[in-house]
Amino acid sequence: MTADQPEIIAVTSPDEMAALGAALGKFVKSGDALCLVGPLGAGKTTFTRGLADGLEVSDAVTSPTFVIARRHRGPTVDLLHCDAYRIGSADEFVDLDLDTDGAVTVVEWGQSVMAEISDSWLEVVIQRSSENDEGARQLTFSGHGDRWTGDEITSVNRALRQAVS
């Protein structure tokens, strides 16, 4: 999962999307950042719900579109779920002064703000893979920065593929 060779995984249902998120939730740790990219209704929040399950977050995860950010408490690490769709610039996002300490930060529509959040992040691009099958999606995982290289990412790749096979 490098920027040059992204990992692409197909899912066929919302349950598989959530399972993929849950599998990733077993690997992420405090301070990690994820950028979720995809059109409305692609499954970004469904993926994040699965991630929350993997992090053992017990409260319900809903879209943060209208509140910009929600913090969900977990037993060992929190989930900070953000939506940058209505954010005009990276500076505007930084001005929110979100506390990312002790959290895994997930930003939907976050392409323009990720460099302000972390030196390393995992980008997850979600695309509909079939006009005929509403649940079919292709997810492309691209690592940015030192965190998402080496043996760790090889383990993550394996777990993600197994989650949907």
Protein backbone atom coordinates (compact mmCIF):
# COMPACT_ATOMS: atom_id res chain seq x y z
CA MET A 1 0.00 0.00 0.00
CA THR A 2 2.27 2.74 -1.17
CA ALA A 3 1.28 5.80 -3.11
CA ASP A 4 2.83 4.08 -6.17
CA GLN A 5 1.10 0.70 -5.67
CA PRO A 6 -2.22 1.14 -3.93
CA GLU A 7 -4.16 -1.84 -2.61
CA ILE A 8 -7.56 -2.28 -4.31
CA ILE A 9 -10.26 -4.37 -2.65
CA ALA A 10 -13.76 -5.10 -3.93
CA VAL A 11 -16.79 -5.34 -1.65
CA THR A 12 -20.29 -6.39 -2.61
CA SER A 13 -22.39 -5.20 0.33
CA PRO A 14 -22.56 -2.73 3.22
CA ASP A 15 -21.77 -5.64 5.57
CA GLU A 16 -18.51 -6.30 3.70
CA MET A 17 -17.74 -2.56 3.79
CA ALA A 18 -18.17 -2.56 7.57
CA ALA A 19 -16.10 -5.77 7.88
CA LEU A 20 -13.27 -4.09 5.98
CA GLY A 21 -13.40 -1.13 8.37
CA ALA A 22 -13.44 -3.48 11.38
CA ALA A 23 -10.38 -5.32 10.07
CA LEU A 24 -8.51 -2.03 9.71
CA GLY A 25 -9.65 -1.07 13.21
CA LYS A 26 -7.49 -3.89 14.59
CA PHE A 27 -4.35 -2.24 13.16
CA VAL A 28 -4.78 1.49 13.59
CA LYS A 29 -3.52 3.17 16.72
CA SER A 30 -3.70 6.46 18.52
CA GLY A 31 -2.42 9.26 16.30
CA ASP A 32 -3.27 7.53 13.02
CA ALA A 33 -5.17 9.49 10.38
CA LEU A 34 -7.39 8.24 7.56
CA CYS A 35 -8.81 10.18 4.64
CA LEU A 36 -12.02 8.77 3.13
CA VAL A 37 -12.83 9.87 -0.40
CA GLY A 38 -15.92 9.03 -2.43
CA PRO A 39 -19.20 10.39 -3.73
CA LEU A 40 -22.27 10.85 -1.56
CA GLY A 41 -23.64 7.46 -0.57
CA ALA A 42 -20.41 5.61 -1.39
CA GLY A 43 -20.13 4.06 2.08
CA LYS A 44 -17.68 6.32 3.93
CA THR A 45 -19.74 6.34 7.11
CA THR A 46 -20.46 2.60 6.82
CA PHE A 47 -16.70 2.00 6.59
CA THR A 48 -16.20 4.24 9.64
CA ARG A 49 -18.85 2.30 11.61
CA GLY A 50 -16.87 -0.85 10.93
CA LEU A 51 -13.66 0.88 11.98
CA ALA A 52 -15.38 1.91 15.22
CA ASP A 53 -16.35 -1.74 15.82
CA GLY A 54 -12.73 -2.74 15.33
CA LEU A 55 -11.70 -0.08 17.86
CA GLU A 56 -14.41 -1.35 20.25
CA VAL A 57 -16.16 2.03 20.27
CA SER A 58 -19.61 1.40 21.71
CA ASP A 59 -21.61 4.52 20.78
CA ALA A 60 -23.39 4.84 17.45
CA VAL A 61 -21.38 6.33 14.59
CA THR A 62 -23.34 8.69 12.37
CA SER A 63 -22.27 11.04 9.63
CA PRO A 64 -20.62 14.22 10.95
CA THR A 65 -21.69 16.27 7.91
CA PHE A 66 -23.63 18.91 9.83
CA VAL A 67 -21.51 19.03 12.99
CA ILE A 68 -18.11 18.76 11.23
CA ALA A 69 -16.64 16.43 13.89
CA ARG A 70 -17.74 13.86 16.45
CA ARG A 71 -15.57 12.19 19.05
CA HIS A 72 -16.49 8.62 19.96
CA ARG A 73 -14.92 7.24 23.12
CA GLY A 74 -13.25 3.85 23.00
CA PRO A 75 -11.72 1.69 25.73
CA THR A 76 -8.13 2.27 24.55
CA VAL A 77 -8.34 4.83 21.76
CA ASP A 78 -11.04 7.28 20.67
CA LEU A 79 -12.38 7.74 17.16
CA LEU A 80 -12.50 11.32 15.89
CA HIS A 81 -14.84 11.28 12.87
CA CYS A 82 -14.73 14.46 10.78
CA ASP A 83 -16.30 15.71 7.58
CA ALA A 84 -14.41 18.33 5.60
CA TYR A 85 -17.05 18.68 2.85
CA ARG A 86 -18.12 22.15 4.01
CA ILE A 87 -14.61 23.25 5.03
CA GLY A 88 -13.24 25.92 2.69
CA SER A 89 -9.52 25.48 3.37
CA ALA A 90 -6.95 23.60 5.40
CA ASP A 91 -6.56 26.71 7.59
CA GLU A 92 -10.29 26.66 8.35
CA PHE A 93 -9.99 23.02 9.39
CA VAL A 94 -7.01 23.79 11.64
CA ASP A 95 -9.01 26.63 13.21
CA LEU A 96 -11.46 24.03 14.53
CA ASP A 97 -8.68 23.10 16.99
CA LEU A 98 -9.72 19.45 17.11
CA ASP A 99 -8.00 17.39 19.77
CA THR A 100 -6.49 14.46 17.87
CA ASP A 101 -4.52 13.21 20.88
CA GLY A 102 -5.58 9.75 21.97
CA ALA A 103 -7.63 9.26 18.80
CA VAL A 104 -7.70 7.71 15.38
CA THR A 105 -8.81 10.57 13.13
CA VAL A 106 -11.01 9.81 10.13
CA VAL A 107 -11.77 12.66 7.74
CA GLU A 108 -14.39 12.25 5.05
CA TRP A 109 -13.72 14.47 2.02
CA GLY A 110 -10.36 15.30 3.60
CA GLN A 111 -7.99 15.45 0.63
CA SER A 112 -7.24 19.15 1.13
CA VAL A 113 -6.67 19.01 4.90
CA MET A 114 -4.74 15.81 5.60
CA ALA A 115 -1.28 17.38 5.50
CA GLU A 116 -2.40 19.71 8.31
CA ILE A 117 -3.53 16.77 10.45
CA SER A 118 -0.62 14.38 10.12
CA ASP A 119 2.65 13.66 8.35
CA SER A 120 1.29 10.18 7.55
CA TRP A 121 -2.20 9.08 6.60
CA LEU A 122 -4.03 6.29 4.86
CA GLU A 123 -6.25 7.39 2.00
CA VAL A 124 -9.26 5.21 1.23
CA VAL A 125 -10.98 5.99 -2.08
CA ILE A 126 -14.40 4.38 -2.44
CA GLN A 127 -15.95 4.04 -5.89
CA ARG A 128 -19.10 2.35 -7.07
CA SER A 129 -17.93 -0.57 -9.17
CA SER A 130 -21.24 -1.38 -10.84
CA GLU A 131 -24.25 0.64 -11.92
CA ASN A 132 -26.33 -2.54 -11.65
CA ASP A 133 -25.30 -3.58 -8.13
CA GLU A 134 -25.94 -0.91 -5.49
CA GLY A 135 -23.66 -2.59 -2.93
CA ALA A 136 -20.64 -3.16 -5.18
CA ARG A 137 -17.69 -0.92 -4.39
CA GLN A 138 -13.98 -0.80 -5.07
CA LEU A 139 -11.78 0.59 -2.32
CA THR A 140 -8.31 1.82 -3.10
CA PHE A 141 -5.93 2.08 -0.14
CA SER A 142 -2.94 4.42 -0.56
CA GLY A 143 -0.40 5.13 2.12
CA HIS A 144 1.14 8.57 2.58
CA GLY A 145 4.13 9.08 4.86
CA ASP A 146 6.32 6.80 6.95
CA ARG A 147 3.57 5.18 9.02
CA TRP A 148 2.01 3.37 6.06
CA THR A 149 5.05 1.53 4.68
CA GLY A 150 7.01 -1.62 5.47
CA ASP A 151 6.00 -4.76 7.34
CA GLU A 152 3.04 -3.09 9.07
CA ILE A 153 1.33 -2.28 5.81
CA THR A 154 1.93 -5.79 4.51
CA SER A 155 0.06 -7.13 7.54
CA VAL A 156 -2.75 -4.63 7.02
CA ASN A 157 -3.06 -5.62 3.35
CA ARG A 158 -3.37 -9.27 4.29
CA ALA A 159 -6.02 -8.60 6.95
CA LEU A 160 -8.07 -6.41 4.62
CA ARG A 161 -8.07 -9.02 1.86
CA GLN A 162 -9.07 -11.74 4.35
CA ALA A 163 -11.90 -9.61 5.74
CA VAL A 164 -13.82 -9.80 2.47
CA SER A 165 -12.75 -13.20 1.14
